[in-house]
Amino acid sequence: MKFTIWLALFPSLLLTNLSAQQISKDELLFLTPHWTGERFPDGRPKVPDALLQRMKLVTLEEAWAVLRNENYKHQYDDGWQVINPDSVLVGRAVTATFMPGRPDIQRVIDDLGHNKDGRVKSQNTWPIELLQKGDVYVVDQFGAHEDGPTIGDNLGNSIYTKTGNGIIYNGAIRDINGLKELGGFTSYFRSYHPSHHLNNPDGELNTTLVGINTPTRIGKVTVLPGDIVLGRDGGVIIIPPHLAEKVVKTSEIIRLRDMFSHQRLREQKYTAGQIDTRWSAEIEKDFSAWLNAHMDKLPVPKEQIQELLKARTW
């Protein structure tokens, strides 16, 4: 169901959107005012694909530092099990929130979802229909373990086909061997259990879907639809869309400076003391010359290096 804040802010919208358990476009615009770029038709921020590709080289430390400096102090979570731990997961969040099963809520959500919105099958499939290329399905499954998994290899195949990505799943998954066979299904989950969720309001009921593309919580992090997921090295960091470009550009500058520093240290042109402190004017000028000389060979887009050089005063 919608949260109380939605009732206070958007009473008329609630009456039309209740059955879908899905945030409206106006609500998404309200919650993401700092994003001024392109959006999906439903209002979800659409960080460009090219920026997502560059994000794959960003480290957790680099992203964390930028977010911390912007006063976003609760963006990182760890303690995950991982499929493809040597790969990097990057994409735009599509969120779903489940709660422990409750028959009365389950019945009305099922009834309105099936009869008004034309949704089919069980609730755990509904958010997956929204997924697009470059998305990451982010699910708060309240840590459910036995009889909790709502994702196995069938839904995993559907998710991967739609997005080219894996999932962030705060709960147990099943069919883990089948999921591992999906080569690019890099995913973060809390546990594994061979059981499956039960969703019969007149019998056994373990999970109820209460939100699609609403704000949700994954561990210690609040996630909004359209946030950028960066999962790597066993941890997950969630980047608000309006800070994604700053995170990437900061990472690229650090990467270039590190490459230059390591090369000059190997050449013994500078001492560790000279490099591991605020650089002198001489080193800064050398760095600019190095960027110009190696522009076509560096792991940063040439246009970005040119932009960096224009901004430099050395």
C-alpha atoms as a PDB file:
ATOM      1  CA  MET A   1       0.000   0.000   0.000  1.00  0.00           C
ATOM      2  CA  LYS A   2       1.097   3.589  -0.365  1.00  0.00           C
ATOM      3  CA  PHE A   3       2.867   5.120   2.561  1.00  0.00           C
ATOM      4  CA  THR A   4       1.194   7.800   4.708  1.00  0.00           C
ATOM      5  CA  ILE A   5       3.249  10.541   3.095  1.00  0.00           C
ATOM      6  CA  TRP A   6       1.683   9.734  -0.275  1.00  0.00           C
ATOM      7  CA  LEU A   7      -1.787  10.185   1.205  1.00  0.00           C
ATOM      8  CA  ALA A   8      -0.852  13.600   2.574  1.00  0.00           C
ATOM      9  CA  LEU A   9       0.852  14.824  -0.599  1.00  0.00           C
ATOM     10  CA  PHE A  10      -1.088  13.143  -3.381  1.00  0.00           C
ATOM     11  CA  PRO A  11      -4.586  12.154  -2.188  1.00  0.00           C
ATOM     12  CA  SER A  12      -6.158  12.187  -5.650  1.00  0.00           C
ATOM     13  CA  LEU A  13      -3.331  10.197  -7.185  1.00  0.00           C
ATOM     14  CA  LEU A  14      -3.723   7.466  -4.617  1.00  0.00           C
ATOM     15  CA  LEU A  15      -7.259   6.740  -5.621  1.00  0.00           C
ATOM     16  CA  THR A  16      -6.213   5.991  -9.188  1.00  0.00           C
ATOM     17  CA  ASN A  17      -2.927   4.199  -8.556  1.00  0.00           C
ATOM     18  CA  LEU A  18      -3.627   2.121  -5.460  1.00  0.00           C
ATOM     19  CA  SER A  19      -4.209  -1.129  -7.319  1.00  0.00           C
ATOM     20  CA  ALA A  20      -0.841  -1.089  -9.018  1.00  0.00           C
ATOM     21  CA  GLN A  21       1.068  -0.477  -5.805  1.00  0.00           C
ATOM     22  CA  GLN A  22       3.219   1.656  -8.094  1.00  0.00           C
ATOM     23  CA  ILE A  23       4.470   5.171  -7.630  1.00  0.00           C
ATOM     24  CA  SER A  24       3.046   7.731 -10.056  1.00  0.00           C
ATOM     25  CA  LYS A  25       5.006   9.966 -12.414  1.00  0.00           C
ATOM     26  CA  ASP A  26       4.122  13.056 -10.388  1.00  0.00           C
ATOM     27  CA  GLU A  27       5.346  11.402  -7.213  1.00  0.00           C
ATOM     28  CA  LEU A  28       8.633  10.452  -8.862  1.00  0.00           C
ATOM     29  CA  LEU A  29       9.112  14.011 -10.111  1.00  0.00           C
ATOM     30  CA  PHE A  30       8.440  15.245  -6.591  1.00  0.00           C
ATOM     31  CA  LEU A  31      10.997  12.875  -5.049  1.00  0.00           C
ATOM     32  CA  THR A  32      13.777  13.497  -7.598  1.00  0.00           C
ATOM     33  CA  PRO A  33      13.833  17.278  -8.137  1.00  0.00           C
ATOM     34  CA  HIS A  34      17.623  17.448  -8.524  1.00  0.00           C
ATOM     35  CA  TRP A  35      17.583  15.305 -11.647  1.00  0.00           C
ATOM     36  CA  THR A  36      17.192  17.562 -14.708  1.00  0.00           C
ATOM     37  CA  GLY A  37      18.044  15.061 -17.443  1.00  0.00           C
ATOM     38  CA  GLU A  38      16.030  12.588 -19.477  1.00  0.00           C
ATOM     39  CA  ARG A  39      13.367  10.442 -17.834  1.00  0.00           C
ATOM     40  CA  PHE A  40      11.455   7.318 -18.691  1.00  0.00           C
ATOM     41  CA  PRO A  41       7.759   7.809 -19.516  1.00  0.00           C
ATOM     42  CA  ASP A  42       6.848   6.895 -15.920  1.00  0.00           C
ATOM     43  CA  GLY A  43       9.104   9.680 -14.589  1.00  0.00           C
ATOM     44  CA  ARG A  44      12.015   7.513 -13.523  1.00  0.00           C
ATOM     45  CA  PRO A  45      15.382   9.288 -14.024  1.00  0.00           C
ATOM     46  CA  LYS A  46      17.271   7.918 -17.037  1.00  0.00           C
ATOM     47  CA  VAL A  47      20.981   8.320 -16.486  1.00  0.00           C
ATOM     48  CA  PRO A  48      22.580   7.912 -19.960  1.00  0.00           C
ATOM     49  CA  ASP A  49      23.886   4.514 -21.044  1.00  0.00           C
ATOM     50  CA  ALA A  50      27.290   6.009 -21.845  1.00  0.00           C
ATOM     51  CA  LEU A  51      27.642   7.198 -18.254  1.00  0.00           C
ATOM     52  CA  LEU A  52      26.658   3.755 -16.956  1.00  0.00           C
ATOM     53  CA  GLN A  53      29.457   2.230 -19.031  1.00  0.00           C
ATOM     54  CA  ARG A  54      31.984   4.628 -17.518  1.00  0.00           C
ATOM     55  CA  MET A  55      30.599   3.887 -14.042  1.00  0.00           C
ATOM     56  CA  LYS A  56      31.831   0.295 -14.332  1.00  0.00           C
ATOM     57  CA  LEU A  57      35.403   1.455 -13.674  1.00  0.00           C
ATOM     58  CA  VAL A  58      34.499   3.439 -10.549  1.00  0.00           C
ATOM     59  CA  THR A  59      35.645   1.917  -7.247  1.00  0.00           C
ATOM     60  CA  LEU A  60      33.500   1.808  -4.133  1.00  0.00           C
ATOM     61  CA  GLU A  61      35.973   4.082  -2.360  1.00  0.00           C
ATOM     62  CA  GLU A  62      35.759   6.727  -5.073  1.00  0.00           C
ATOM     63  CA  ALA A  63      31.964   6.699  -5.141  1.00  0.00           C
ATOM     64  CA  TRP A  64      31.731   6.665  -1.348  1.00  0.00           C
ATOM     65  CA  ALA A  65      34.013   9.696  -1.010  1.00  0.00           C
ATOM     66  CA  VAL A  66      31.994  11.795  -3.452  1.00  0.00           C
ATOM     67  CA  LEU A  67      28.688  10.878  -1.825  1.00  0.00           C
ATOM     68  CA  ARG A  68      30.050  11.493   1.662  1.00  0.00           C
ATOM     69  CA  ASN A  69      31.235  14.955   0.639  1.00  0.00           C
ATOM     70  CA  GLU A  70      27.740  15.669  -0.677  1.00  0.00           C
ATOM     71  CA  ASN A  71      26.278  14.662   2.730  1.00  0.00           C
ATOM     72  CA  TYR A  72      24.910  11.322   1.497  1.00  0.00           C
ATOM     73  CA  LYS A  73      26.176   9.225   4.394  1.00  0.00           C
ATOM     74  CA  HIS A  74      24.058   6.084   4.165  1.00  0.00           C
ATOM     75  CA  GLN A  75      24.592   4.828   0.624  1.00  0.00           C
ATOM     76  CA  TYR A  76      26.721   1.690   1.152  1.00  0.00           C
ATOM     77  CA  ASP A  77      25.828  -1.820   2.293  1.00  0.00           C
ATOM     78  CA  ASP A  78      27.788  -5.079   2.466  1.00  0.00           C
ATOM     79  CA  GLY A  79      27.533  -8.583   3.897  1.00  0.00           C
ATOM     80  CA  TRP A  80      26.159  -9.960   0.627  1.00  0.00           C
ATOM     81  CA  GLN A  81      26.524 -13.274  -1.122  1.00  0.00           C
ATOM     82  CA  VAL A  82      27.422 -12.704  -4.760  1.00  0.00           C
ATOM     83  CA  ILE A  83      26.951 -14.403  -8.112  1.00  0.00           C
ATOM     84  CA  ASN A  84      29.946 -13.528 -10.329  1.00  0.00           C
ATOM     85  CA  PRO A  85      31.991 -11.851  -7.572  1.00  0.00           C
ATOM     86  CA  ASP A  86      34.704 -10.787 -10.023  1.00  0.00           C
ATOM     87  CA  SER A  87      32.262  -8.802 -12.166  1.00  0.00           C
ATOM     88  CA  VAL A  88      30.782  -5.336 -11.715  1.00  0.00           C
ATOM     89  CA  LEU A  89      27.045  -4.627 -11.550  1.00  0.00           C
ATOM     90  CA  VAL A  90      25.893  -1.209 -12.769  1.00  0.00           C
ATOM     91  CA  GLY A  91      22.403  -0.052 -13.688  1.00  0.00           C
ATOM     92  CA  ARG A  92      19.313   2.021 -12.933  1.00  0.00           C
ATOM     93  CA  ALA A  93      17.190   0.817 -10.035  1.00  0.00           C
ATOM     94  CA  VAL A  94      13.696  -0.572 -10.416  1.00  0.00           C
ATOM     95  CA  THR A  95      12.460  -1.272  -6.897  1.00  0.00           C
ATOM     96  CA  ALA A  96      10.046  -3.684  -5.272  1.00  0.00           C
ATOM     97  CA  THR A  97       9.062  -4.010  -1.624  1.00  0.00           C
ATOM     98  CA  PHE A  98       7.611  -7.147  -0.071  1.00  0.00           C
ATOM     99  CA  MET A  99       6.362  -7.628   3.476  1.00  0.00           C
ATOM    100  CA  PRO A 100       5.486 -10.754   5.451  1.00  0.00           C
ATOM    101  CA  GLY A 101       2.319 -12.222   3.981  1.00  0.00           C
ATOM    102  CA  ARG A 102      -1.017 -10.932   5.226  1.00  0.00           C
ATOM    103  CA  PRO A 103      -4.189 -12.473   3.711  1.00  0.00           C
ATOM    104  CA  ASP A 104      -6.472  -9.436   3.721  1.00  0.00           C
ATOM    105  CA  ILE A 105      -3.901  -7.214   1.993  1.00  0.00           C
ATOM    106  CA  GLN A 106      -2.936 -10.008  -0.393  1.00  0.00           C
ATOM    107  CA  ARG A 107      -6.545 -10.483  -1.496  1.00  0.00           C
ATOM    108  CA  VAL A 108      -7.261  -6.848  -2.303  1.00  0.00           C
ATOM    109  CA  ILE A 109      -3.938  -6.365  -4.070  1.00  0.00           C
ATOM    110  CA  ASP A 110      -4.484  -9.523  -6.107  1.00  0.00           C
ATOM    111  CA  ASP A 111      -8.055  -8.533  -6.950  1.00  0.00           C
ATOM    112  CA  LEU A 112      -7.256  -4.997  -8.056  1.00  0.00           C
ATOM    113  CA  GLY A 113      -4.049  -6.014  -9.825  1.00  0.00           C
ATOM    114  CA  HIS A 114      -5.724  -8.778 -11.811  1.00  0.00           C
ATOM    115  CA  ASN A 115      -9.108  -7.190 -12.460  1.00  0.00           C
ATOM    116  CA  LYS A 116      -8.274  -3.504 -12.824  1.00  0.00           C
ATOM    117  CA  ASP A 117      -4.701  -3.423 -14.097  1.00  0.00           C
ATOM    118  CA  GLY A 118      -4.776  -6.639 -16.101  1.00  0.00           C
ATOM    119  CA  ARG A 119      -1.788  -8.091 -14.280  1.00  0.00           C
ATOM    120  CA  VAL A 120      -1.278 -11.824 -14.579  1.00  0.00           C
ATOM    121  CA  LYS A 121       0.143 -14.593 -12.441  1.00  0.00           C
ATOM    122  CA  SER A 122       1.505 -13.969  -8.946  1.00  0.00           C
ATOM    123  CA  GLN A 123       2.673 -10.703  -7.471  1.00  0.00           C
ATOM    124  CA  ASN A 124       6.381 -11.547  -7.631  1.00  0.00           C
ATOM    125  CA  THR A 125       6.237 -11.277 -11.444  1.00  0.00           C
ATOM    126  CA  TRP A 126       4.592  -7.859 -11.602  1.00  0.00           C
ATOM    127  CA  PRO A 127       7.648  -5.585 -11.097  1.00  0.00           C
ATOM    128  CA  ILE A 128       9.671  -7.645 -13.589  1.00  0.00           C
ATOM    129  CA  GLU A 129       7.353  -6.556 -16.409  1.00  0.00           C
ATOM    130  CA  LEU A 130       8.643  -2.986 -15.973  1.00  0.00           C
ATOM    131  CA  LEU A 131      12.315  -3.836 -16.458  1.00  0.00           C
ATOM    132  CA  GLN A 132      14.291  -2.468 -19.394  1.00  0.00           C
ATOM    133  CA  LYS A 133      17.859  -2.737 -20.669  1.00  0.00           C
ATOM    134  CA  GLY A 134      20.326  -1.290 -18.202  1.00  0.00           C
ATOM    135  CA  ASP A 135      18.031  -1.690 -15.178  1.00  0.00           C
ATOM    136  CA  VAL A 136      18.854  -3.476 -11.939  1.00  0.00           C
ATOM    137  CA  TYR A 137      15.969  -5.095 -10.048  1.00  0.00           C
ATOM    138  CA  VAL A 138      16.329  -3.993  -6.408  1.00  0.00           C
ATOM    139  CA  VAL A 139      14.124  -5.960  -4.012  1.00  0.00           C
ATOM    140  CA  ASP A 140      13.483  -5.598  -0.296  1.00  0.00           C
ATOM    141  CA  GLN A 141      12.404  -9.113   0.645  1.00  0.00           C
ATOM    142  CA  PHE A 142      12.789  -8.275   4.373  1.00  0.00           C
ATOM    143  CA  GLY A 143      15.560 -10.891   4.644  1.00  0.00           C
ATOM    144  CA  ALA A 144      13.089 -13.767   4.188  1.00  0.00           C
ATOM    145  CA  HIS A 145      14.821 -17.148   4.137  1.00  0.00           C
ATOM    146  CA  GLU A 146      12.881 -20.448   4.303  1.00  0.00           C
ATOM    147  CA  ASP A 147       9.770 -20.316   2.085  1.00  0.00           C
ATOM    148  CA  GLY A 148      10.798 -16.783   1.168  1.00  0.00           C
ATOM    149  CA  PRO A 149      12.501 -16.905  -2.263  1.00  0.00           C
ATOM    150  CA  THR A 150      10.498 -15.107  -4.950  1.00  0.00           C
ATOM    151  CA  ILE A 151      13.276 -15.421  -7.568  1.00  0.00           C
ATOM    152  CA  GLY A 152      14.664 -18.603  -9.082  1.00  0.00           C
ATOM    153  CA  ASP A 153      16.110 -19.494 -12.457  1.00  0.00           C
ATOM    154  CA  ASN A 154      12.865 -18.903 -14.404  1.00  0.00           C
ATOM    155  CA  LEU A 155      12.418 -15.319 -13.237  1.00  0.00           C
ATOM    156  CA  GLY A 156      16.187 -14.897 -13.306  1.00  0.00           C
ATOM    157  CA  ASN A 157      16.175 -15.690 -17.021  1.00  0.00           C
ATOM    158  CA  SER A 158      13.392 -13.174 -17.579  1.00  0.00           C
ATOM    159  CA  ILE A 159      15.199 -10.476 -15.605  1.00  0.00           C
ATOM    160  CA  TYR A 160      18.477 -11.063 -17.398  1.00  0.00           C
ATOM    161  CA  THR A 161      16.834 -11.073 -20.835  1.00  0.00           C
ATOM    162  CA  LYS A 162      15.108  -7.760 -20.136  1.00  0.00           C
ATOM    163  CA  THR A 163      17.981  -5.927 -18.435  1.00  0.00           C
ATOM    164  CA  GLY A 164      21.282  -7.623 -19.248  1.00  0.00           C
ATOM    165  CA  ASN A 165      21.911  -7.339 -15.492  1.00  0.00           C
ATOM    166  CA  GLY A 166      21.419  -9.187 -12.237  1.00  0.00           C
ATOM    167  CA  ILE A 167      19.647  -8.184  -9.038  1.00  0.00           C
ATOM    168  CA  ILE A 168      20.071  -6.718  -5.568  1.00  0.00           C
ATOM    169  CA  TYR A 169      17.910  -8.945  -3.402  1.00  0.00           C
ATOM    170  CA  ASN A 170      17.492  -8.512   0.335  1.00  0.00           C
ATOM    171  CA  GLY A 171      16.407 -12.078   0.985  1.00  0.00           C
ATOM    172  CA  ALA A 172      16.956 -15.665  -0.131  1.00  0.00           C
ATOM    173  CA  ILE A 173      17.077 -16.818  -3.741  1.00  0.00           C
ATOM    174  CA  ARG A 174      16.552 -20.348  -5.074  1.00  0.00           C
ATOM    175  CA  ASP A 175      17.776 -22.332  -8.118  1.00  0.00           C
ATOM    176  CA  ILE A 176      21.209 -20.874  -7.574  1.00  0.00           C
ATOM    177  CA  ASN A 177      22.894 -23.291  -9.984  1.00  0.00           C
ATOM    178  CA  GLY A 178      20.595 -22.191 -12.788  1.00  0.00           C
ATOM    179  CA  LEU A 179      21.210 -18.532 -11.972  1.00  0.00           C
ATOM    180  CA  LYS A 180      24.961 -19.043 -12.088  1.00  0.00           C
ATOM    181  CA  GLU A 181      24.603 -20.423 -15.611  1.00  0.00           C
ATOM    182  CA  LEU A 182      23.470 -16.958 -16.739  1.00  0.00           C
ATOM    183  CA  GLY A 183      26.943 -15.628 -17.445  1.00  0.00           C
ATOM    184  CA  GLY A 184      26.232 -11.923 -16.899  1.00  0.00           C
ATOM    185  CA  PHE A 185      23.772 -12.295 -14.044  1.00  0.00           C
ATOM    186  CA  THR A 186      25.972 -10.543 -11.487  1.00  0.00           C
ATOM    187  CA  SER A 187      23.793 -10.432  -8.375  1.00  0.00           C
ATOM    188  CA  TYR A 188      23.844  -9.651  -4.664  1.00  0.00           C
ATOM    189  CA  PHE A 189      21.617 -11.580  -2.274  1.00  0.00           C
ATOM    190  CA  ARG A 190      21.432 -12.375   1.443  1.00  0.00           C
ATOM    191  CA  SER A 191      21.067 -16.155   1.445  1.00  0.00           C
ATOM    192  CA  TYR A 192      20.084 -19.256  -0.478  1.00  0.00           C
ATOM    193  CA  HIS A 193      17.248 -21.679   0.240  1.00  0.00           C
ATOM    194  CA  PRO A 194      15.777 -24.410  -1.987  1.00  0.00           C
ATOM    195  CA  SER A 195      12.179 -23.586  -0.963  1.00  0.00           C
ATOM    196  CA  HIS A 196       9.947 -21.069  -2.747  1.00  0.00           C
ATOM    197  CA  HIS A 197       7.597 -18.327  -1.636  1.00  0.00           C
ATOM    198  CA  LEU A 198       3.982 -19.189  -0.876  1.00  0.00           C
ATOM    199  CA  ASN A 199       1.325 -16.709  -1.932  1.00  0.00           C
ATOM    200  CA  ASN A 200      -2.094 -18.242  -1.311  1.00  0.00           C
ATOM    201  CA  PRO A 201      -4.186 -15.936   0.914  1.00  0.00           C
ATOM    202  CA  ASP A 202      -6.507 -18.851   1.663  1.00  0.00           C
ATOM    203  CA  GLY A 203      -3.657 -21.204   2.567  1.00  0.00           C
ATOM    204  CA  GLU A 204       0.042 -20.650   3.092  1.00  0.00           C
ATOM    205  CA  LEU A 205       1.161 -17.094   2.515  1.00  0.00           C
ATOM    206  CA  ASN A 206       4.683 -15.851   3.173  1.00  0.00           C
ATOM    207  CA  THR A 207       5.096 -12.659   1.131  1.00  0.00           C
ATOM    208  CA  THR A 208       2.918  -9.769   0.001  1.00  0.00           C
ATOM    209  CA  LEU A 209       4.014  -7.178  -2.553  1.00  0.00           C
ATOM    210  CA  VAL A 210       3.325  -3.685  -1.199  1.00  0.00           C
ATOM    211  CA  GLY A 211       5.325  -1.437  -3.512  1.00  0.00           C
ATOM    212  CA  ILE A 212       6.566  -1.237  -7.102  1.00  0.00           C
ATOM    213  CA  ASN A 213       9.003   1.569  -7.896  1.00  0.00           C
ATOM    214  CA  THR A 214       8.422   3.163  -4.513  1.00  0.00           C
ATOM    215  CA  PRO A 215      11.259   4.185  -2.180  1.00  0.00           C
ATOM    216  CA  THR A 216      12.590   1.052  -0.515  1.00  0.00           C
ATOM    217  CA  ARG A 217      15.314   0.067   1.936  1.00  0.00           C
ATOM    218  CA  ILE A 218      18.152  -2.317   1.208  1.00  0.00           C
ATOM    219  CA  GLY A 219      20.140  -2.961   4.351  1.00  0.00           C
ATOM    220  CA  LYS A 220      21.247   0.483   5.540  1.00  0.00           C
ATOM    221  CA  VAL A 221      20.428   2.280   2.271  1.00  0.00           C
ATOM    222  CA  THR A 222      17.327   4.042   0.995  1.00  0.00           C
ATOM    223  CA  VAL A 223      16.842   3.363  -2.711  1.00  0.00           C
ATOM    224  CA  LEU A 224      14.714   5.399  -5.115  1.00  0.00           C
ATOM    225  CA  PRO A 225      13.656   4.306  -8.607  1.00  0.00           C
ATOM    226  CA  GLY A 226      16.293   5.525 -11.062  1.00  0.00           C
ATOM    227  CA  ASP A 227      19.129   5.515  -8.532  1.00  0.00           C
ATOM    228  CA  ILE A 228      22.353   4.052  -9.906  1.00  0.00           C
ATOM    229  CA  VAL A 229      23.458   0.733  -8.470  1.00  0.00           C
ATOM    230  CA  LEU A 230      27.197   0.035  -8.282  1.00  0.00           C
ATOM    231  CA  GLY A 231      27.945  -3.449  -7.006  1.00  0.00           C
ATOM    232  CA  ARG A 232      31.485  -4.747  -6.861  1.00  0.00           C
ATOM    233  CA  ASP A 233      34.045  -6.343  -4.561  1.00  0.00           C
ATOM    234  CA  GLY A 234      31.315  -7.707  -2.272  1.00  0.00           C
ATOM    235  CA  GLY A 235      29.629  -4.367  -1.577  1.00  0.00           C
ATOM    236  CA  VAL A 236      26.816  -2.263  -3.019  1.00  0.00           C
ATOM    237  CA  ILE A 237      26.669   1.509  -3.204  1.00  0.00           C
ATOM    238  CA  ILE A 238      23.586   3.431  -4.347  1.00  0.00           C
ATOM    239  CA  ILE A 239      24.201   6.697  -6.202  1.00  0.00           C
ATOM    240  CA  PRO A 240      21.467   9.328  -6.611  1.00  0.00           C
ATOM    241  CA  PRO A 241      21.103  10.036 -10.356  1.00  0.00           C
ATOM    242  CA  HIS A 242      22.007  13.718 -10.081  1.00  0.00           C
ATOM    243  CA  LEU A 243      25.388  12.753  -8.595  1.00  0.00           C
ATOM    244  CA  ALA A 244      26.230   9.977 -11.073  1.00  0.00           C
ATOM    245  CA  GLU A 245      28.195  12.210 -13.452  1.00  0.00           C
ATOM    246  CA  LYS A 246      30.178  13.766 -10.604  1.00  0.00           C
ATOM    247  CA  VAL A 247      31.056  10.309  -9.262  1.00  0.00           C
ATOM    248  CA  VAL A 248      32.271   9.172 -12.698  1.00  0.00           C
ATOM    249  CA  LYS A 249      34.284  12.293 -13.477  1.00  0.00           C
ATOM    250  CA  THR A 250      35.913  12.312 -10.043  1.00  0.00           C
ATOM    251  CA  SER A 251      36.852   8.665 -10.471  1.00  0.00           C
ATOM    252  CA  GLU A 252      38.350   9.334 -13.893  1.00  0.00           C
ATOM    253  CA  ILE A 253      40.502  12.168 -12.584  1.00  0.00           C
ATOM    254  CA  ILE A 254      41.766   9.974  -9.736  1.00  0.00           C
ATOM    255  CA  ARG A 255      42.454   7.138 -12.187  1.00  0.00           C
ATOM    256  CA  LEU A 256      44.485   9.374 -14.491  1.00  0.00           C
ATOM    257  CA  ARG A 257      46.459  10.919 -11.668  1.00  0.00           C
ATOM    258  CA  ASP A 258      47.228   7.468 -10.276  1.00  0.00           C
ATOM    259  CA  MET A 259      48.444   6.230 -13.658  1.00  0.00           C
ATOM    260  CA  PHE A 260      50.686   9.259 -14.051  1.00  0.00           C
ATOM    261  CA  SER A 261      51.995   8.966 -10.486  1.00  0.00           C
ATOM    262  CA  HIS A 262      52.819   5.278 -10.788  1.00  0.00           C
ATOM    263  CA  GLN A 263      54.627   5.792 -14.091  1.00  0.00           C
ATOM    264  CA  ARG A 264      56.719   8.683 -12.782  1.00  0.00           C
ATOM    265  CA  LEU A 265      57.577   6.749  -9.603  1.00  0.00           C
ATOM    266  CA  ARG A 266      58.757   3.787 -11.663  1.00  0.00           C
ATOM    267  CA  GLU A 267      60.838   6.159 -13.745  1.00  0.00           C
ATOM    268  CA  GLN A 268      62.178   7.665 -10.500  1.00  0.00           C
ATOM    269  CA  LYS A 269      61.456  11.136 -11.845  1.00  0.00           C
ATOM    270  CA  TYR A 270      59.816  12.095  -8.554  1.00  0.00           C
ATOM    271  CA  THR A 271      60.093  10.746  -5.046  1.00  0.00           C
ATOM    272  CA  ALA A 272      57.220   9.169  -3.137  1.00  0.00           C
ATOM    273  CA  GLY A 273      57.230  12.221  -0.876  1.00  0.00           C
ATOM    274  CA  GLN A 274      56.714  14.541  -3.860  1.00  0.00           C
ATOM    275  CA  ILE A 275      53.869  12.443  -5.273  1.00  0.00           C
ATOM    276  CA  ASP A 276      52.116  11.571  -2.018  1.00  0.00           C
ATOM    277  CA  THR A 277      51.348  15.175  -1.116  1.00  0.00           C
ATOM    278  CA  ARG A 278      49.953  18.277  -2.794  1.00  0.00           C
ATOM    279  CA  TRP A 279      51.658  18.409  -6.168  1.00  0.00           C
ATOM    280  CA  SER A 280      54.012  21.246  -7.027  1.00  0.00           C
ATOM    281  CA  ALA A 281      53.447  23.474 -10.063  1.00  0.00           C
ATOM    282  CA  GLU A 282      56.173  21.510 -11.863  1.00  0.00           C
ATOM    283  CA  ILE A 283      54.397  18.170 -11.366  1.00  0.00           C
ATOM    284  CA  GLU A 284      51.028  19.643 -12.331  1.00  0.00           C
ATOM    285  CA  LYS A 285      52.494  20.967 -15.601  1.00  0.00           C
ATOM    286  CA  ASP A 286      54.108  17.576 -16.235  1.00  0.00           C
ATOM    287  CA  PHE A 287      50.726  15.892 -15.636  1.00  0.00           C
ATOM    288  CA  SER A 288      49.031  18.154 -18.201  1.00  0.00           C
ATOM    289  CA  ALA A 289      51.738  17.391 -20.748  1.00  0.00           C
ATOM    290  CA  TRP A 290      51.405  13.678 -20.006  1.00  0.00           C
ATOM    291  CA  LEU A 291      47.648  13.824 -20.576  1.00  0.00           C
ATOM    292  CA  ASN A 292      48.156  15.496 -23.943  1.00  0.00           C
ATOM    293  CA  ALA A 293      50.789  12.975 -25.006  1.00  0.00           C
ATOM    294  CA  HIS A 294      48.805   9.873 -23.991  1.00  0.00           C
ATOM    295  CA  MET A 295      45.245  11.044 -24.687  1.00  0.00           C
ATOM    296  CA  ASP A 296      44.452   8.339 -27.233  1.00  0.00           C
ATOM    297  CA  LYS A 297      45.725   5.491 -25.063  1.00  0.00           C
ATOM    298  CA  LEU A 298      44.184   6.271 -21.679  1.00  0.00           C
ATOM    299  CA  PRO A 299      41.163   4.381 -20.203  1.00  0.00           C
ATOM    300  CA  VAL A 300      39.067   7.559 -20.109  1.00  0.00           C
ATOM    301  CA  PRO A 301      37.092   8.976 -23.059  1.00  0.00           C
ATOM    302  CA  LYS A 302      39.173  11.429 -25.081  1.00  0.00           C
ATOM    303  CA  GLU A 303      36.475  14.094 -24.813  1.00  0.00           C
ATOM    304  CA  GLN A 304      36.633  13.903 -21.018  1.00  0.00           C
ATOM    305  CA  ILE A 305      40.402  14.356 -21.004  1.00  0.00           C
ATOM    306  CA  GLN A 306      40.044  17.367 -23.301  1.00  0.00           C
ATOM    307  CA  GLU A 307      37.417  18.793 -20.963  1.00  0.00           C
ATOM    308  CA  LEU A 308      39.745  18.227 -18.008  1.00  0.00           C
ATOM    309  CA  LEU A 309      42.639  19.949 -19.758  1.00  0.00           C
ATOM    310  CA  LYS A 310      40.502  22.991 -20.590  1.00  0.00           C
ATOM    311  CA  ALA A 311      39.655  23.369 -16.911  1.00  0.00           C
ATOM    312  CA  ARG A 312      43.274  23.110 -15.774  1.00  0.00           C
ATOM    313  CA  THR A 313      45.354  26.230 -15.177  1.00  0.00           C
ATOM    314  CA  TRP A 314      48.725  24.480 -15.263  1.00  0.00           C
END
